[in-house]
Every structure is written in C-alpha cells, then in structure tokens.
Amino acid sequence: MNILFICSRNQWRSPTAEKIFNDRQGIQVRSAGTANNARVRVSEKMLQWADLIFVMEKKHKERITEKFPSICLQKEMIVLDIADEYQYMDNELIEMLRASVEPYLY
C-alpha cells in the first residue's frame, strides 16, 4: 500500500507522519506540501502513486482538488483535521497521527 501525507510546507506534520509510518511492513510512505515554498511539493505523479492520501487540513484537500481535479475523482482523500501547531516529531502530533491513521491501515 502506498500512502501519501500532505500538509502545507512539508516541514513538520507530513514529514512526521512519513517517519512514524515508514517502517511498517507492506507500506510505502511519502510526504509533500501544497505551498509553493514546500520542501517537497505535491505533484500529479505522487497523487497517482498513492493508494491512500491523508491531508492535515480541509484546505489541503481543496487546493489539491482544484489543481488536480481528474486525479481527485479517482482517489480517496482523508482529512485528519490536524492544525499547524506542532513541531517535527512532537509527541502530541505523533499520538494524533497514530490514532487517526491506524484504522485505515488494517
């Protein structure tokens, strides 16, 4: 299963998710951002690669749907509702990600 995590700048939330889920057997994980200054910007190729797409906020889903409408019709995008209030590998962020994402992995 290929999982893509998306936030704004690909600095804290989505890289944290990528890190904590990357060691799972049978799962490949990537992360990206929607902003022009994102460390890694989301692309059409990434979206096509993903079996599951998790976005941190509703605005990320809206931006992706606006930019890549045809791909979004084919893909499920799950909004995690995790605000941009956490640093990379913040313990509270890790707990929220695990609680939100785990049910989709089994």
PDB file of N, CA and C in Angstrom:
ATOM      1  N   MET A   1       0.832  -1.173   0.000  1.00  0.00           N
ATOM      2  CA  MET A   1       0.000   0.000   0.000  1.00  0.00           C
ATOM      3  C   MET A   1       0.883   1.245   0.000  1.00  0.00           C
ATOM      4  N   ASN A   2       0.553   2.199  -0.849  1.00  0.00           N
ATOM      5  CA  ASN A   2       1.294   3.467  -0.944  1.00  0.00           C
ATOM      6  C   ASN A   2       0.474   4.571  -0.280  1.00  0.00           C
ATOM      7  N   ILE A   3       1.087   5.234   0.692  1.00  0.00           N
ATOM      8  CA  ILE A   3       0.399   6.275   1.449  1.00  0.00           C
ATOM      9  C   ILE A   3       1.124   7.600   1.275  1.00  0.00           C
ATOM     10  N   LEU A   4       0.350   8.645   1.011  1.00  0.00           N
ATOM     11  CA  LEU A   4       0.885   9.996   0.856  1.00  0.00           C
ATOM     12  C   LEU A   4       0.283  10.899   1.926  1.00  0.00           C
ATOM     13  N   PHE A   5       1.152  11.586   2.664  1.00  0.00           N
ATOM     14  CA  PHE A   5       0.731  12.553   3.673  1.00  0.00           C
ATOM     15  C   PHE A   5       1.021  13.954   3.148  1.00  0.00           C
ATOM     16  N   ILE A   6       0.045  14.847   3.315  1.00  0.00           N
ATOM     17  CA  ILE A   6       0.191  16.197   2.765  1.00  0.00           C
ATOM     18  C   ILE A   6      -0.162  17.246   3.821  1.00  0.00           C
ATOM     19  N   CYS A   7       0.713  18.261   3.910  1.00  0.00           N
ATOM     20  CA  CYS A   7       0.429  19.447   4.720  1.00  0.00           C
ATOM     21  C   CYS A   7       0.773  20.660   3.857  1.00  0.00           C
ATOM     22  N   SER A   8       1.080  21.785   4.464  1.00  0.00           N
ATOM     23  CA  SER A   8       1.340  22.997   3.678  1.00  0.00           C
ATOM     24  C   SER A   8       2.778  23.059   3.157  1.00  0.00           C
ATOM     25  N   ARG A   9       3.736  23.101   4.071  1.00  0.00           N
ATOM     26  CA  ARG A   9       5.132  23.317   3.672  1.00  0.00           C
ATOM     27  C   ARG A   9       5.993  22.052   3.719  1.00  0.00           C
ATOM     28  N   ASN A  10       5.388  20.927   4.111  1.00  0.00           N
ATOM     29  CA  ASN A  10       6.125  19.672   4.197  1.00  0.00           C
ATOM     30  C   ASN A  10       7.338  19.821   5.121  1.00  0.00           C
ATOM     31  N   GLN A  11       7.104  20.454   6.269  1.00  0.00           N
ATOM     32  CA  GLN A  11       8.188  20.640   7.231  1.00  0.00           C
ATOM     33  C   GLN A  11       7.975  19.858   8.517  1.00  0.00           C
ATOM     34  N   TRP A  12       6.752  19.859   9.053  1.00  0.00           N
ATOM     35  CA  TRP A  12       6.541  19.270  10.369  1.00  0.00           C
ATOM     36  C   TRP A  12       5.530  18.144  10.376  1.00  0.00           C
ATOM     37  N   ARG A  13       4.305  18.418   9.983  1.00  0.00           N
ATOM     38  CA  ARG A  13       3.251  17.407  10.129  1.00  0.00           C
ATOM     39  C   ARG A  13       3.412  16.225   9.183  1.00  0.00           C
ATOM     40  N   SER A  14       3.474  16.481   7.884  1.00  0.00           N
ATOM     41  CA  SER A  14       3.555  15.346   6.953  1.00  0.00           C
ATOM     42  C   SER A  14       4.890  14.603   7.043  1.00  0.00           C
ATOM     43  N   PRO A  15       6.039  15.274   7.254  1.00  0.00           N
ATOM     44  CA  PRO A  15       7.273  14.501   7.457  1.00  0.00           C
ATOM     45  C   PRO A  15       7.243  13.657   8.733  1.00  0.00           C
ATOM     46  N   THR A  16       6.565  14.157   9.765  1.00  0.00           N
ATOM     47  CA  THR A  16       6.419  13.352  10.992  1.00  0.00           C
ATOM     48  C   THR A  16       5.617  12.092  10.680  1.00  0.00           C
ATOM     49  N   ALA A  17       4.517  12.249   9.955  1.00  0.00           N
ATOM     50  CA  ALA A  17       3.700  11.094   9.581  1.00  0.00           C
ATOM     51  C   ALA A  17       4.506  10.115   8.727  1.00  0.00           C
ATOM     52  N   GLU A  18       5.261  10.647   7.778  1.00  0.00           N
ATOM     53  CA  GLU A  18       6.096   9.792   6.929  1.00  0.00           C
ATOM     54  C   GLU A  18       7.077   8.992   7.784  1.00  0.00           C
ATOM     55  N   LYS A  19       7.696   9.637   8.728  1.00  0.00           N
ATOM     56  CA  LYS A  19       8.695   8.989   9.588  1.00  0.00           C
ATOM     57  C   LYS A  19       8.070   7.889  10.446  1.00  0.00           C
ATOM     58  N   ILE A  20       6.937   8.161  11.071  1.00  0.00           N
ATOM     59  CA  ILE A  20       6.392   7.171  12.016  1.00  0.00           C
ATOM     60  C   ILE A  20       5.710   5.985  11.328  1.00  0.00           C
ATOM     61  N   PHE A  21       5.274   6.147  10.091  1.00  0.00           N
ATOM     62  CA  PHE A  21       4.628   5.026   9.396  1.00  0.00           C
ATOM     63  C   PHE A  21       5.533   4.342   8.372  1.00  0.00           C
ATOM     64  N   ASN A  22       6.725   4.860   8.182  1.00  0.00           N
ATOM     65  CA  ASN A  22       7.630   4.365   7.146  1.00  0.00           C
ATOM     66  C   ASN A  22       8.171   2.964   7.413  1.00  0.00           C
ATOM     67  N   ASP A  23       8.176   2.528   8.652  1.00  0.00           N
ATOM     68  CA  ASP A  23       8.768   1.226   8.968  1.00  0.00           C
ATOM     69  C   ASP A  23       7.750   0.090   8.985  1.00  0.00           C
ATOM     70  N   ARG A  24       6.552   0.346   8.517  1.00  0.00           N
ATOM     71  CA  ARG A  24       5.513  -0.682   8.513  1.00  0.00           C
ATOM     72  C   ARG A  24       5.695  -1.631   7.334  1.00  0.00           C
ATOM     73  N   GLN A  25       5.545  -2.887   7.601  1.00  0.00           N
ATOM     74  CA  GLN A  25       5.646  -3.921   6.572  1.00  0.00           C
ATOM     75  C   GLN A  25       4.525  -3.739   5.550  1.00  0.00           C
ATOM     76  N   GLY A  26       4.863  -3.769   4.272  1.00  0.00           N
ATOM     77  CA  GLY A  26       3.875  -3.693   3.211  1.00  0.00           C
ATOM     78  C   GLY A  26       3.361  -2.297   2.917  1.00  0.00           C
ATOM     79  N   ILE A  27       3.962  -1.297   3.537  1.00  0.00           N
ATOM     80  CA  ILE A  27       3.524   0.085   3.335  1.00  0.00           C
ATOM     81  C   ILE A  27       4.705   0.933   2.872  1.00  0.00           C
ATOM     82  N   GLN A  28       4.461   1.720   1.833  1.00  0.00           N
ATOM     83  CA  GLN A  28       5.437   2.718   1.397  1.00  0.00           C
ATOM     84  C   GLN A  28       4.820   4.078   1.661  1.00  0.00           C
ATOM     85  N   VAL A  29       5.623   4.992   2.185  1.00  0.00           N
ATOM     86  CA  VAL A  29       5.095   6.281   2.620  1.00  0.00           C
ATOM     87  C   VAL A  29       5.919   7.414   2.022  1.00  0.00           C
ATOM     88  N   ARG A  30       5.215   8.468   1.614  1.00  0.00           N
ATOM     89  CA  ARG A  30       5.852   9.707   1.156  1.00  0.00           C
ATOM     90  C   ARG A  30       5.095  10.872   1.758  1.00  0.00           C
ATOM     91  N   SER A  31       5.723  12.039   1.708  1.00  0.00           N
ATOM     92  CA  SER A  31       5.039  13.248   2.182  1.00  0.00           C
ATOM     93  C   SER A  31       5.333  14.400   1.241  1.00  0.00           C
ATOM     94  N   ALA A  32       4.429  15.376   1.252  1.00  0.00           N
ATOM     95  CA  ALA A  32       4.566  16.538   0.376  1.00  0.00           C
ATOM     96  C   ALA A  32       3.766  17.696   0.958  1.00  0.00           C
ATOM     97  N   GLY A  33       3.942  18.858   0.330  1.00  0.00           N
ATOM     98  CA  GLY A  33       3.215  20.047   0.756  1.00  0.00           C
ATOM     99  C   GLY A  33       2.507  20.702  -0.415  1.00  0.00           C
ATOM    100  N   THR A  34       1.528  21.533  -0.096  1.00  0.00           N
ATOM    101  CA  THR A  34       0.760  22.218  -1.131  1.00  0.00           C
ATOM    102  C   THR A  34       1.295  23.612  -1.442  1.00  0.00           C
ATOM    103  N   ALA A  35       2.099  24.180  -0.552  1.00  0.00           N
ATOM    104  CA  ALA A  35       2.578  25.557  -0.732  1.00  0.00           C
ATOM    105  C   ALA A  35       3.696  25.626  -1.775  1.00  0.00           C
ATOM    106  N   ASN A  36       3.828  26.782  -2.397  1.00  0.00           N
ATOM    107  CA  ASN A  36       4.900  26.988  -3.380  1.00  0.00           C
ATOM    108  C   ASN A  36       6.283  26.818  -2.761  1.00  0.00           C
ATOM    109  N   ASN A  37       6.403  27.131  -1.467  1.00  0.00           N
ATOM    110  CA  ASN A  37       7.702  27.017  -0.794  1.00  0.00           C
ATOM    111  C   ASN A  37       7.849  25.710  -0.012  1.00  0.00           C
ATOM    112  N   ALA A  38       7.031  24.723  -0.331  1.00  0.00           N
ATOM    113  CA  ALA A  38       7.117  23.432   0.352  1.00  0.00           C
ATOM    114  C   ALA A  38       8.457  22.767   0.076  1.00  0.00           C
ATOM    115  N   ARG A  39       8.946  22.045   1.068  1.00  0.00           N
ATOM    116  CA  ARG A  39      10.204  21.300   0.929  1.00  0.00           C
ATOM    117  C   ARG A  39      10.101  20.322  -0.240  1.00  0.00           C
ATOM    118  N   VAL A  40       8.995  19.594  -0.301  1.00  0.00           N
ATOM    119  CA  VAL A  40       8.653  18.724  -1.441  1.00  0.00           C
ATOM    120  C   VAL A  40       7.222  19.082  -1.819  1.00  0.00           C
ATOM    121  N   ARG A  41       7.015  19.556  -3.046  1.00  0.00           N
ATOM    122  CA  ARG A  41       5.670  19.942  -3.497  1.00  0.00           C
ATOM    123  C   ARG A  41       4.916  18.746  -4.048  1.00  0.00           C
ATOM    124  N   VAL A  42       3.651  18.678  -3.714  1.00  0.00           N
ATOM    125  CA  VAL A  42       2.813  17.597  -4.212  1.00  0.00           C
ATOM    126  C   VAL A  42       2.721  17.698  -5.735  1.00  0.00           C
ATOM    127  N   SER A  43       2.751  16.548  -6.375  1.00  0.00           N
ATOM    128  CA  SER A  43       2.700  16.514  -7.835  1.00  0.00           C
ATOM    129  C   SER A  43       1.640  15.511  -8.295  1.00  0.00           C
ATOM    130  N   GLU A  44       1.314  15.612  -9.557  1.00  0.00           N
ATOM    131  CA  GLU A  44       0.363  14.674 -10.147  1.00  0.00           C
ATOM    132  C   GLU A  44       0.883  13.242 -10.034  1.00  0.00           C
ATOM    133  N   LYS A  45       2.156  13.072 -10.273  1.00  0.00           N
ATOM    134  CA  LYS A  45       2.775  11.744 -10.199  1.00  0.00           C
ATOM    135  C   LYS A  45       2.650  11.147  -8.788  1.00  0.00           C
ATOM    136  N   MET A  46       2.868  11.967  -7.772  1.00  0.00           N
ATOM    137  CA  MET A  46       2.734  11.494  -6.385  1.00  0.00           C
ATOM    138  C   MET A  46       1.302  11.060  -6.092  1.00  0.00           C
ATOM    139  N   LEU A  47       0.357  11.869  -6.520  1.00  0.00           N
ATOM    140  CA  LEU A  47      -1.045  11.546  -6.273  1.00  0.00           C
ATOM    141  C   LEU A  47      -1.436  10.248  -6.979  1.00  0.00           C
ATOM    142  N   GLN A  48      -0.951  10.049  -8.184  1.00  0.00           N
ATOM    143  CA  GLN A  48      -1.253   8.813  -8.915  1.00  0.00           C
ATOM    144  C   GLN A  48      -0.622   7.607  -8.225  1.00  0.00           C
ATOM    145  N   TRP A  49       0.553   7.790  -7.641  1.00  0.00           N
ATOM    146  CA  TRP A  49       1.267   6.720  -6.940  1.00  0.00           C
ATOM    147  C   TRP A  49       0.503   6.249  -5.700  1.00  0.00           C
ATOM    148  N   ALA A  50      -0.167   7.172  -5.024  1.00  0.00           N
ATOM    149  CA  ALA A  50      -0.774   6.898  -3.722  1.00  0.00           C
ATOM    150  C   ALA A  50      -2.049   6.068  -3.807  1.00  0.00           C
ATOM    151  N   ASP A  51      -2.148   5.087  -2.910  1.00  0.00           N
ATOM    152  CA  ASP A  51      -3.390   4.340  -2.726  1.00  0.00           C
ATOM    153  C   ASP A  51      -4.288   5.072  -1.733  1.00  0.00           C
ATOM    154  N   LEU A  52      -3.661   5.691  -0.754  1.00  0.00           N
ATOM    155  CA  LEU A  52      -4.374   6.464   0.255  1.00  0.00           C
ATOM    156  C   LEU A  52      -3.697   7.814   0.408  1.00  0.00           C
ATOM    157  N   ILE A  53      -4.492   8.860   0.496  1.00  0.00           N
ATOM    158  CA  ILE A  53      -3.945  10.216   0.650  1.00  0.00           C
ATOM    159  C   ILE A  53      -4.534  10.816   1.928  1.00  0.00           C
ATOM    160  N   PHE A  54      -3.654  11.208   2.831  1.00  0.00           N
ATOM    161  CA  PHE A  54      -4.068  11.867   4.064  1.00  0.00           C
ATOM    162  C   PHE A  54      -3.623  13.315   3.994  1.00  0.00           C
ATOM    163  N   VAL A  55      -4.565  14.225   4.207  1.00  0.00           N
ATOM    164  CA  VAL A  55      -4.239  15.651   4.261  1.00  0.00           C
ATOM    165  C   VAL A  55      -4.473  16.125   5.690  1.00  0.00           C
ATOM    166  N   MET A  56      -3.670  17.073   6.126  1.00  0.00           N
ATOM    167  CA  MET A  56      -3.764  17.528   7.508  1.00  0.00           C
ATOM    168  C   MET A  56      -4.971  18.422   7.755  1.00  0.00           C
ATOM    169  N   GLU A  57      -5.368  19.220   6.753  1.00  0.00           N
ATOM    170  CA  GLU A  57      -6.483  20.147   6.926  1.00  0.00           C
ATOM    171  C   GLU A  57      -7.355  20.143   5.669  1.00  0.00           C
ATOM    172  N   LYS A  58      -8.578  20.594   5.835  1.00  0.00           N
ATOM    173  CA  LYS A  58      -9.531  20.663   4.722  1.00  0.00           C
ATOM    174  C   LYS A  58      -8.985  21.527   3.576  1.00  0.00           C
ATOM    175  N   LYS A  59      -8.259  22.605   3.921  1.00  0.00           N
ATOM    176  CA  LYS A  59      -7.732  23.495   2.880  1.00  0.00           C
ATOM    177  C   LYS A  59      -6.748  22.762   1.967  1.00  0.00           C
ATOM    178  N   HIS A  60      -6.052  21.762   2.481  1.00  0.00           N
ATOM    179  CA  HIS A  60      -5.120  20.996   1.637  1.00  0.00           C
ATOM    180  C   HIS A  60      -5.892  20.174   0.601  1.00  0.00           C
ATOM    181  N   LYS A  61      -6.982  19.574   1.037  1.00  0.00           N
ATOM    182  CA  LYS A  61      -7.821  18.809   0.109  1.00  0.00           C
ATOM    183  C   LYS A  61      -8.381  19.727  -0.971  1.00  0.00           C
ATOM    184  N   GLU A  62      -8.822  20.913  -0.569  1.00  0.00           N
ATOM    185  CA  GLU A  62      -9.368  21.872  -1.528  1.00  0.00           C
ATOM    186  C   GLU A  62      -8.325  22.306  -2.549  1.00  0.00           C
ATOM    187  N   ARG A  63      -7.114  22.583  -2.100  1.00  0.00           N
ATOM    188  CA  ARG A  63      -6.037  23.002  -3.012  1.00  0.00           C
ATOM    189  C   ARG A  63      -5.693  21.892  -4.000  1.00  0.00           C
ATOM    190  N   ILE A  64      -5.614  20.682  -3.516  1.00  0.00           N
ATOM    191  CA  ILE A  64      -5.266  19.549  -4.382  1.00  0.00           C
ATOM    192  C   ILE A  64      -6.381  19.292  -5.385  1.00  0.00           C
ATOM    193  N   THR A  65      -7.630  19.336  -4.920  1.00  0.00           N
ATOM    194  CA  THR A  65      -8.778  19.112  -5.801  1.00  0.00           C
ATOM    195  C   THR A  65      -8.848  20.172  -6.891  1.00  0.00           C
ATOM    196  N   GLU A  66      -8.515  21.404  -6.529  1.00  0.00           N
ATOM    197  CA  GLU A  66      -8.528  22.499  -7.506  1.00  0.00           C
ATOM    198  C   GLU A  66      -7.428  22.335  -8.546  1.00  0.00           C
ATOM    199  N   LYS A  67      -6.251  21.907  -8.105  1.00  0.00           N
ATOM    200  CA  LYS A  67      -5.101  21.810  -9.008  1.00  0.00           C
ATOM    201  C   LYS A  67      -5.097  20.514  -9.829  1.00  0.00           C
ATOM    202  N   PHE A  68      -5.598  19.422  -9.248  1.00  0.00           N
ATOM    203  CA  PHE A  68      -5.578  18.111  -9.909  1.00  0.00           C
ATOM    204  C   PHE A  68      -6.976  17.475  -9.878  1.00  0.00           C
ATOM    205  N   PRO A  69      -7.966  18.104 -10.498  1.00  0.00           N
ATOM    206  CA  PRO A  69      -9.347  17.614 -10.368  1.00  0.00           C
ATOM    207  C   PRO A  69      -9.583  16.194 -10.880  1.00  0.00           C
ATOM    208  N   SER A  70      -8.986  15.833 -11.992  1.00  0.00           N
ATOM    209  CA  SER A  70      -9.266  14.498 -12.553  1.00  0.00           C
ATOM    210  C   SER A  70      -8.705  13.380 -11.674  1.00  0.00           C
ATOM    211  N   ILE A  71      -7.554  13.590 -11.077  1.00  0.00           N
ATOM    212  CA  ILE A  71      -6.969  12.573 -10.197  1.00  0.00           C
ATOM    213  C   ILE A  71      -7.801  12.433  -8.927  1.00  0.00           C
ATOM    214  N   CYS A  72      -8.291  13.545  -8.430  1.00  0.00           N
ATOM    215  CA  CYS A  72      -9.038  13.533  -7.174  1.00  0.00           C
ATOM    216  C   CYS A  72     -10.358  12.782  -7.279  1.00  0.00           C
ATOM    217  N   LEU A  73     -10.883  12.662  -8.465  1.00  0.00           N
ATOM    218  CA  LEU A  73     -12.102  11.879  -8.653  1.00  0.00           C
ATOM    219  C   LEU A  73     -11.832  10.393  -8.441  1.00  0.00           C
ATOM    220  N   GLN A  74     -10.598   9.976  -8.654  1.00  0.00           N
ATOM    221  CA  GLN A  74     -10.224   8.565  -8.562  1.00  0.00           C
ATOM    222  C   GLN A  74      -9.660   8.175  -7.204  1.00  0.00           C
ATOM    223  N   LYS A  75      -9.318   9.153  -6.378  1.00  0.00           N
ATOM    224  CA  LYS A  75      -8.602   8.875  -5.135  1.00  0.00           C
ATOM    225  C   LYS A  75      -9.404   9.272  -3.909  1.00  0.00           C
ATOM    226  N   GLU A  76      -9.227   8.504  -2.857  1.00  0.00           N
ATOM    227  CA  GLU A  76      -9.815   8.866  -1.577  1.00  0.00           C
ATOM    228  C   GLU A  76      -8.828   9.757  -0.829  1.00  0.00           C
ATOM    229  N   MET A  77      -9.336  10.888  -0.346  1.00  0.00           N
ATOM    230  CA  MET A  77      -8.517  11.805   0.440  1.00  0.00           C
ATOM    231  C   MET A  77      -9.138  11.943   1.820  1.00  0.00           C
ATOM    232  N   ILE A  78      -8.379  11.614   2.829  1.00  0.00           N
ATOM    233  CA  ILE A  78      -8.868  11.667   4.198  1.00  0.00           C
ATOM    234  C   ILE A  78      -8.317  12.911   4.879  1.00  0.00           C
ATOM    235  N   VAL A  79      -9.215  13.725   5.431  1.00  0.00           N
ATOM    236  CA  VAL A  79      -8.817  14.938   6.147  1.00  0.00           C
ATOM    237  C   VAL A  79      -8.634  14.578   7.620  1.00  0.00           C
ATOM    238  N   LEU A  80      -7.424  14.798   8.145  1.00  0.00           N
ATOM    239  CA  LEU A  80      -7.114  14.436   9.522  1.00  0.00           C
ATOM    240  C   LEU A  80      -7.465  15.524  10.533  1.00  0.00           C
ATOM    241  N   ASP A  81      -7.697  16.744  10.081  1.00  0.00           N
ATOM    242  CA  ASP A  81      -8.005  17.873  10.972  1.00  0.00           C
ATOM    243  C   ASP A  81      -6.935  18.078  12.036  1.00  0.00           C
ATOM    244  N   ILE A  82      -5.690  18.137  11.598  1.00  0.00           N
ATOM    245  CA  ILE A  82      -4.570  18.411  12.496  1.00  0.00           C
ATOM    246  C   ILE A  82      -4.006  19.771  12.125  1.00  0.00           C
ATOM    247  N   ALA A  83      -4.194  20.726  13.024  1.00  0.00           N
ATOM    248  CA  ALA A  83      -3.775  22.113  12.778  1.00  0.00           C
ATOM    249  C   ALA A  83      -2.248  22.241  12.773  1.00  0.00           C
ATOM    250  N   ASP A  84      -1.779  23.311  12.185  1.00  0.00           N
ATOM    251  CA  ASP A  84      -0.347  23.581  12.065  1.00  0.00           C
ATOM    252  C   ASP A  84       0.175  24.192  13.364  1.00  0.00           C
ATOM    253  N   GLU A  85       0.182  23.371  14.421  1.00  0.00           N
ATOM    254  CA  GLU A  85       0.586  23.838  15.756  1.00  0.00           C
ATOM    255  C   GLU A  85       1.713  23.010  16.349  1.00  0.00           C
ATOM    256  N   TYR A  86       2.303  22.133  15.567  1.00  0.00           N
ATOM    257  CA  TYR A  86       3.260  21.174  16.109  1.00  0.00           C
ATOM    258  C   TYR A  86       4.597  21.240  15.384  1.00  0.00           C
ATOM    259  N   GLN A  87       5.642  20.898  16.105  1.00  0.00           N
ATOM    260  CA  GLN A  87       6.975  20.784  15.539  1.00  0.00           C
ATOM    261  C   GLN A  87       7.168  19.350  15.040  1.00  0.00           C
ATOM    262  N   TYR A  88       8.225  19.138  14.292  1.00  0.00           N
ATOM    263  CA  TYR A  88       8.569  17.808  13.778  1.00  0.00           C
ATOM    264  C   TYR A  88       8.760  16.835  14.942  1.00  0.00           C
ATOM    265  N   MET A  89       8.097  15.700  14.872  1.00  0.00           N
ATOM    266  CA  MET A  89       8.177  14.612  15.844  1.00  0.00           C
ATOM    267  C   MET A  89       7.678  15.011  17.239  1.00  0.00           C
ATOM    268  N   ASP A  90       6.810  15.996  17.330  1.00  0.00           N
ATOM    269  CA  ASP A  90       6.164  16.378  18.584  1.00  0.00           C
ATOM    270  C   ASP A  90       5.351  15.180  19.089  1.00  0.00           C
ATOM    271  N   ASN A  91       5.458  14.859  20.367  1.00  0.00           N
ATOM    272  CA  ASN A  91       4.789  13.680  20.930  1.00  0.00           C
ATOM    273  C   ASN A  91       3.273  13.723  20.751  1.00  0.00           C
ATOM    274  N   GLU A  92       2.672  14.882  20.949  1.00  0.00           N
ATOM    275  CA  GLU A  92       1.220  15.009  20.781  1.00  0.00           C
ATOM    276  C   GLU A  92       0.826  14.796  19.313  1.00  0.00           C
ATOM    277  N   LEU A  93       1.627  15.316  18.405  1.00  0.00           N
ATOM    278  CA  LEU A  93       1.379  15.121  16.975  1.00  0.00           C
ATOM    279  C   LEU A  93       1.466  13.638  16.620  1.00  0.00           C
ATOM    280  N   ILE A  94       2.461  12.956  17.131  1.00  0.00           N
ATOM    281  CA  ILE A  94       2.631  11.522  16.866  1.00  0.00           C
ATOM    282  C   ILE A  94       1.406  10.747  17.354  1.00  0.00           C
ATOM    283  N   GLU A  95       0.932  11.056  18.556  1.00  0.00           N
ATOM    284  CA  GLU A  95      -0.245  10.376  19.105  1.00  0.00           C
ATOM    285  C   GLU A  95      -1.483  10.628  18.239  1.00  0.00           C
ATOM    286  N   MET A  96      -1.660  11.882  17.817  1.00  0.00           N
ATOM    287  CA  MET A  96      -2.815  12.213  16.969  1.00  0.00           C
ATOM    288  C   MET A  96      -2.748  11.486  15.632  1.00  0.00           C
ATOM    289  N   LEU A  97      -1.582  11.458  15.026  1.00  0.00           N
ATOM    290  CA  LEU A  97      -1.422  10.781  13.740  1.00  0.00           C
ATOM    291  C   LEU A  97      -1.702   9.291  13.867  1.00  0.00           C
ATOM    292  N   ARG A  98      -1.141   8.662  14.876  1.00  0.00           N
ATOM    293  CA  ARG A  98      -1.371   7.227  15.062  1.00  0.00           C
ATOM    294  C   ARG A  98      -2.849   6.923  15.271  1.00  0.00           C
ATOM    295  N   ALA A  99      -3.505   7.702  16.114  1.00  0.00           N
ATOM    296  CA  ALA A  99      -4.923   7.470  16.395  1.00  0.00           C
ATOM    297  C   ALA A  99      -5.788   7.682  15.151  1.00  0.00           C
ATOM    298  N   SER A 100      -5.429   8.643  14.323  1.00  0.00           N
ATOM    299  CA  SER A 100      -6.225   8.978  13.137  1.00  0.00           C
ATOM    300  C   SER A 100      -5.968   8.042  11.959  1.00  0.00           C
ATOM    301  N   VAL A 101      -4.729   7.618  11.788  1.00  0.00           N
ATOM    302  CA  VAL A 101      -4.339   6.864  10.587  1.00  0.00           C
ATOM    303  C   VAL A 101      -4.450   5.348  10.768  1.00  0.00           C
ATOM    304  N   GLU A 102      -4.132   4.857  11.946  1.00  0.00           N
ATOM    305  CA  GLU A 102      -4.115   3.405  12.190  1.00  0.00           C
ATOM    306  C   GLU A 102      -5.363   2.674  11.685  1.00  0.00           C
ATOM    307  N   PRO A 103      -6.574   3.180  11.929  1.00  0.00           N
ATOM    308  CA  PRO A 103      -7.766   2.444  11.472  1.00  0.00           C
ATOM    309  C   PRO A 103      -7.810   2.199   9.955  1.00  0.00           C
ATOM    310  N   TYR A 104      -7.138   3.029   9.185  1.00  0.00           N
ATOM    311  CA  TYR A 104      -7.133   2.867   7.729  1.00  0.00           C
ATOM    312  C   TYR A 104      -6.098   1.847   7.243  1.00  0.00           C
ATOM    313  N   LEU A 105      -5.224   1.424   8.120  1.00  0.00           N
ATOM    314  CA  LEU A 105      -4.133   0.540   7.717  1.00  0.00           C
ATOM    315  C   LEU A 105      -4.468  -0.932   7.845  1.00  0.00           C
ATOM    316  N   TYR A 106      -5.619  -1.246   8.431  1.00  0.00           N
ATOM    317  CA  TYR A 106      -5.965  -2.664   8.639  1.00  0.00           C
ATOM    318  C   TYR A 106      -7.289  -3.014   8.024  1.00  0.00           C
TER     319      TYR A 106
END
